């Protein structure tokens, strides 16, 4: 539900602060409502600089008067959570740690950047063969920069897939496919999800959607045990 007064029309506080106590933000199309003290809780941060200035009119607004920030609206929820109590809490198997670190750098939150910084060891460095690691050991490495998955499939035009992923694209399942034909049979030689995200970002793509699903592949004939498979699909787009 929208506030009675648009964010751009709300009056400042009685102590001379030009900003209202409750502020509406539009971050990359996602709307957030928070308190002014939350946005200025980290001195020196970008949000602190934005919401401590006297000239409110210099800040960008959307069509409904909300303050607009042209960043990843999905990841901003973690930025805002950190601003509330200066603690980092992420869901299990969070696949976008590297992207969130870039957001933390943009919003000038050095302590959050440190919390997100990778702690690579010899066992999980990029030169290692992922097949040599124990899956249970991988699950315990929550601070690793890259999260390994069983396989990363690539769907799209052959020419685009080769442009983005180059020699890391495994063509053994779909050889001699015309460049402008669509394929869903390519997969990557590496199994680090964030590495694939970085390659797409470097090529000018940004994520516009994602979804996950779990399906029952089959049931054991003599028991009630069911074998489940799952996958997560990410959709990237380039202008």
Protein backbone atom coordinates (compact mmCIF):
# COMPACT_ATOMS: atom_id res chain seq x y z
CA UNK A 1 0.00 0.00 0.00
CA UNK A 2 1.36 3.42 -0.92
CA UNK A 3 1.82 6.13 1.66
CA UNK A 4 -0.80 8.83 1.86
CA UNK A 5 1.72 11.46 0.72
CA UNK A 6 4.15 10.69 -2.15
CA UNK A 7 7.75 10.43 -1.05
CA UNK A 8 8.63 13.52 -3.03
CA UNK A 9 5.94 15.59 -1.30
CA UNK A 10 6.55 14.52 2.29
CA UNK A 11 7.68 17.26 4.62
CA UNK A 12 10.97 17.28 6.47
CA UNK A 13 11.30 16.79 10.19
CA UNK A 14 10.90 19.57 12.73
CA UNK A 15 14.64 19.62 13.54
CA UNK A 16 15.45 21.03 10.11
CA UNK A 17 16.19 17.73 8.39
CA UNK A 18 14.82 18.08 4.82
CA UNK A 19 14.00 14.35 4.67
CA UNK A 20 10.94 12.69 6.23
CA UNK A 21 11.37 9.95 8.82
CA UNK A 22 9.84 7.33 6.49
CA UNK A 23 11.40 7.18 3.02
CA UNK A 24 10.32 5.32 -0.10
CA UNK A 25 13.05 4.06 -2.41
CA UNK A 26 12.84 2.69 -5.94
CA UNK A 27 15.96 0.58 -6.50
CA UNK A 28 16.09 -0.84 -10.01
CA UNK A 29 12.29 -1.14 -10.08
CA UNK A 30 11.97 -2.68 -6.60
CA UNK A 31 10.24 -0.49 -4.01
CA UNK A 32 11.58 -0.33 -0.44
CA UNK A 33 10.18 1.61 2.51
CA UNK A 34 12.54 2.34 5.38
CA UNK A 35 13.41 4.95 7.99
CA UNK A 36 15.78 7.85 7.40
CA UNK A 37 18.03 6.84 10.36
CA UNK A 38 18.60 3.46 8.68
CA UNK A 39 19.84 5.07 5.47
CA UNK A 40 22.35 7.26 7.33
CA UNK A 41 23.47 4.61 9.83
CA UNK A 42 26.89 4.11 8.16
CA UNK A 43 28.75 7.45 7.95
CA UNK A 44 30.63 7.91 4.70
CA UNK A 45 28.50 5.44 2.75
CA UNK A 46 26.78 6.45 -0.48
CA UNK A 47 23.35 6.37 1.15
CA UNK A 48 24.66 8.49 4.02
CA UNK A 49 25.94 11.06 1.49
CA UNK A 50 22.63 11.04 -0.37
CA UNK A 51 20.38 11.45 2.66
CA UNK A 52 22.39 13.93 4.71
CA UNK A 53 22.63 16.60 2.03
CA UNK A 54 20.49 19.72 2.23
CA UNK A 55 19.50 19.91 -1.43
CA UNK A 56 16.83 17.22 -1.69
CA UNK A 57 15.94 18.27 -5.23
CA UNK A 58 19.29 17.04 -6.54
CA UNK A 59 18.32 13.40 -5.92
CA UNK A 60 16.72 11.40 -8.72
CA UNK A 61 13.02 10.54 -8.40
CA UNK A 62 10.71 8.16 -10.21
CA UNK A 63 7.29 9.09 -11.62
CA UNK A 64 5.67 8.67 -8.19
CA UNK A 65 8.18 10.85 -6.36
CA UNK A 66 10.15 8.03 -4.77
CA UNK A 67 13.93 8.41 -4.54
CA UNK A 68 15.45 6.39 -7.38
CA UNK A 69 18.69 4.38 -7.30
CA UNK A 70 19.72 2.65 -10.52
CA UNK A 71 21.14 -0.54 -9.01
CA UNK A 72 20.16 -4.21 -8.61
CA UNK A 73 16.81 -4.11 -6.82
CA UNK A 74 16.97 -7.77 -5.74
CA UNK A 75 20.38 -7.51 -4.07
CA UNK A 76 19.55 -4.19 -2.39
CA UNK A 77 17.54 -6.05 0.25
CA UNK A 78 20.82 -7.37 1.66
CA UNK A 79 22.37 -3.89 1.55
CA UNK A 80 19.41 -2.52 3.49
CA UNK A 81 19.52 -5.38 6.01
CA UNK A 82 23.18 -4.60 6.65
CA UNK A 83 22.40 -0.89 7.12
CA UNK A 84 19.93 -1.80 9.87
CA UNK A 85 22.33 -3.56 12.24
CA UNK A 86 25.72 -3.82 10.45
CA UNK A 87 25.50 -7.60 10.28
CA UNK A 88 25.56 -9.86 7.23
CA UNK A 89 23.02 -12.68 7.07
CA UNK A 90 22.67 -14.54 3.77
CA UNK A 91 20.51 -17.55 2.84
CA UNK A 92 22.16 -20.93 2.48
CA UNK A 93 23.72 -21.68 -0.92
CA UNK A 94 23.59 -17.98 -1.86
CA UNK A 95 24.77 -17.90 -5.52
CA UNK A 96 25.43 -14.16 -5.95
CA UNK A 97 28.05 -13.37 -3.35
CA UNK A 98 30.37 -11.84 -5.94
CA UNK A 99 27.64 -9.58 -7.33
CA UNK A 100 26.63 -8.53 -3.83
CA UNK A 101 30.23 -7.61 -3.12
CA UNK A 102 30.19 -5.28 -6.12
CA UNK A 103 26.99 -3.69 -4.81
CA UNK A 104 28.64 -3.19 -1.41
CA UNK A 105 31.57 -1.48 -3.14
CA UNK A 106 29.19 0.79 -5.06
CA UNK A 107 27.33 1.79 -1.88
CA UNK A 108 30.72 2.43 -0.20
CA UNK A 109 30.32 -0.07 2.63
CA UNK A 110 33.91 -1.23 3.26
CA UNK A 111 33.08 -3.44 6.24
CA UNK A 112 30.44 -5.28 4.22
CA UNK A 113 32.94 -5.68 1.38
CA UNK A 114 35.33 -7.35 3.85
CA UNK A 115 32.61 -9.71 5.04
CA UNK A 116 31.88 -10.72 1.44
CA UNK A 117 35.51 -10.96 0.35
CA UNK A 118 36.55 -14.46 -0.77
CA UNK A 119 38.81 -16.54 1.43
CA UNK A 120 40.34 -18.89 -1.09
CA UNK A 121 42.42 -21.86 -0.04
CA UNK A 122 44.56 -24.19 -2.10
CA UNK A 123 41.70 -26.69 -2.15
CA UNK A 124 39.14 -24.32 -3.71
CA UNK A 125 41.34 -22.19 -5.98
CA UNK A 126 40.38 -21.82 -9.63
CA UNK A 127 43.16 -24.11 -10.83
CA UNK A 128 41.86 -27.12 -8.96
CA UNK A 129 39.95 -29.93 -10.60
CA UNK A 130 36.46 -29.75 -9.05
CA UNK A 131 36.08 -33.48 -9.35
CA UNK A 132 38.84 -34.04 -6.80
CA UNK A 133 36.98 -32.36 -3.93
CA UNK A 134 34.66 -34.03 -1.50
CA UNK A 135 31.06 -32.70 -1.87
CA UNK A 136 30.59 -32.62 1.91
CA UNK A 137 33.78 -30.57 2.25
CA UNK A 138 32.53 -28.14 -0.39
CA UNK A 139 29.28 -27.55 1.48
CA UNK A 140 31.25 -26.47 4.55
CA UNK A 141 33.25 -23.85 2.65
CA UNK A 142 30.67 -21.09 3.03
CA UNK A 143 33.26 -18.35 2.58
CA UNK A 144 34.55 -19.57 -0.80
CA UNK A 145 34.26 -17.09 -3.64
CA UNK A 146 32.79 -19.62 -6.07
CA UNK A 147 30.06 -22.15 -5.31
CA UNK A 148 30.37 -25.37 -7.25
CA UNK A 149 27.35 -26.99 -8.84
CA UNK A 150 27.04 -30.31 -10.63
CA UNK A 151 26.82 -28.78 -14.11
CA UNK A 152 26.08 -25.39 -15.68
CA UNK A 153 23.99 -25.66 -18.83
CA UNK A 154 23.86 -22.86 -21.42
CA UNK A 155 20.73 -22.07 -23.45
CA UNK A 156 20.73 -19.48 -26.24
CA UNK A 157 22.09 -18.75 -29.69
CA UNK A 158 25.27 -20.62 -30.47
CA UNK A 159 27.07 -17.44 -31.55
CA UNK A 160 26.23 -15.68 -28.27
CA UNK A 161 27.26 -18.67 -26.17
CA UNK A 162 30.65 -18.82 -27.91
CA UNK A 163 31.10 -15.05 -27.61
CA UNK A 164 30.49 -15.03 -23.86
CA UNK A 165 32.11 -18.27 -22.74
CA UNK A 166 34.76 -18.88 -25.40
CA UNK A 167 36.91 -21.94 -24.82
CA UNK A 168 35.18 -22.68 -21.52
CA UNK A 169 32.13 -23.80 -23.53
CA UNK A 170 31.97 -27.58 -23.93
CA UNK A 171 30.65 -28.41 -27.41
CA UNK A 172 30.78 -32.18 -27.19
CA UNK A 173 26.98 -32.48 -26.85
CA UNK A 174 26.07 -30.19 -29.76
CA UNK A 175 28.76 -30.07 -32.47
CA UNK A 176 28.47 -28.22 -35.79
CA UNK A 177 25.40 -26.23 -34.82
CA UNK A 178 24.82 -23.11 -37.02
CA UNK A 179 25.74 -19.83 -35.22
CA UNK A 180 22.21 -18.39 -35.27
CA UNK A 181 20.45 -21.56 -34.15
CA UNK A 182 19.18 -21.84 -30.58
CA UNK A 183 20.69 -24.54 -28.43
CA UNK A 184 20.14 -25.86 -24.94
CA UNK A 185 22.73 -28.59 -25.10
CA UNK A 186 25.93 -26.67 -24.34
CA UNK A 187 27.46 -26.83 -20.88
CA UNK A 188 30.47 -25.17 -19.29
CA UNK A 189 33.77 -26.86 -18.51
CA UNK A 190 33.90 -25.18 -15.10
CA UNK A 191 31.31 -25.64 -12.34
CA UNK A 192 31.61 -22.33 -10.49
CA UNK A 193 28.32 -20.44 -10.75
CA UNK A 194 29.68 -16.96 -9.97
CA UNK A 195 32.36 -17.40 -12.62
CA UNK A 196 29.61 -17.81 -15.22
CA UNK A 197 27.83 -14.72 -13.84
CA UNK A 198 31.03 -12.69 -14.13
CA UNK A 199 31.56 -13.72 -17.76
CA UNK A 200 27.99 -12.69 -18.61
CA UNK A 201 28.40 -9.36 -16.80
CA UNK A 202 31.66 -8.67 -18.66
CA UNK A 203 29.81 -9.27 -21.93
CA UNK A 204 27.14 -6.70 -21.02
CA UNK A 205 24.39 -9.05 -19.81
CA UNK A 206 22.37 -8.59 -16.63
CA UNK A 207 20.07 -11.03 -14.87
CA UNK A 208 16.36 -10.34 -15.31
CA UNK A 209 14.78 -13.46 -13.78
CA UNK A 210 15.49 -16.72 -11.99
CA UNK A 211 13.52 -19.69 -10.70
CA UNK A 212 14.18 -23.01 -9.00
CA UNK A 213 12.39 -26.32 -9.01
CA UNK A 214 12.67 -29.79 -7.54
CA UNK A 215 11.25 -32.88 -9.21
CA UNK A 216 10.96 -36.51 -8.19
CA UNK A 217 12.97 -38.46 -10.73
CA UNK A 218 11.94 -41.94 -9.58
CA UNK A 219 11.04 -43.96 -6.50
CA UNK A 220 12.86 -47.01 -5.20
CA UNK A 221 10.92 -50.17 -6.03
CA UNK A 222 11.18 -51.76 -2.57
CA UNK A 223 11.10 -48.67 -0.35
CA UNK A 224 9.27 -45.38 -0.13
CA UNK A 225 12.48 -43.46 -0.80
CA UNK A 226 12.26 -41.02 -3.68
CA UNK A 227 15.19 -39.64 -5.64
CA UNK A 228 14.87 -35.88 -6.12
CA UNK A 229 16.56 -33.72 -8.70
CA UNK A 230 16.62 -29.93 -8.70
CA UNK A 231 17.86 -27.07 -10.83
CA UNK A 232 17.90 -23.28 -10.84
CA UNK A 233 17.41 -21.34 -14.05
CA UNK A 234 18.83 -17.82 -14.53
CA UNK A 235 17.73 -15.59 -17.41
CA UNK A 236 20.19 -12.95 -18.67
CA UNK A 237 19.49 -10.14 -21.14
CA UNK A 238 21.62 -7.68 -23.09
CA UNK A 239 20.29 -4.52 -24.69
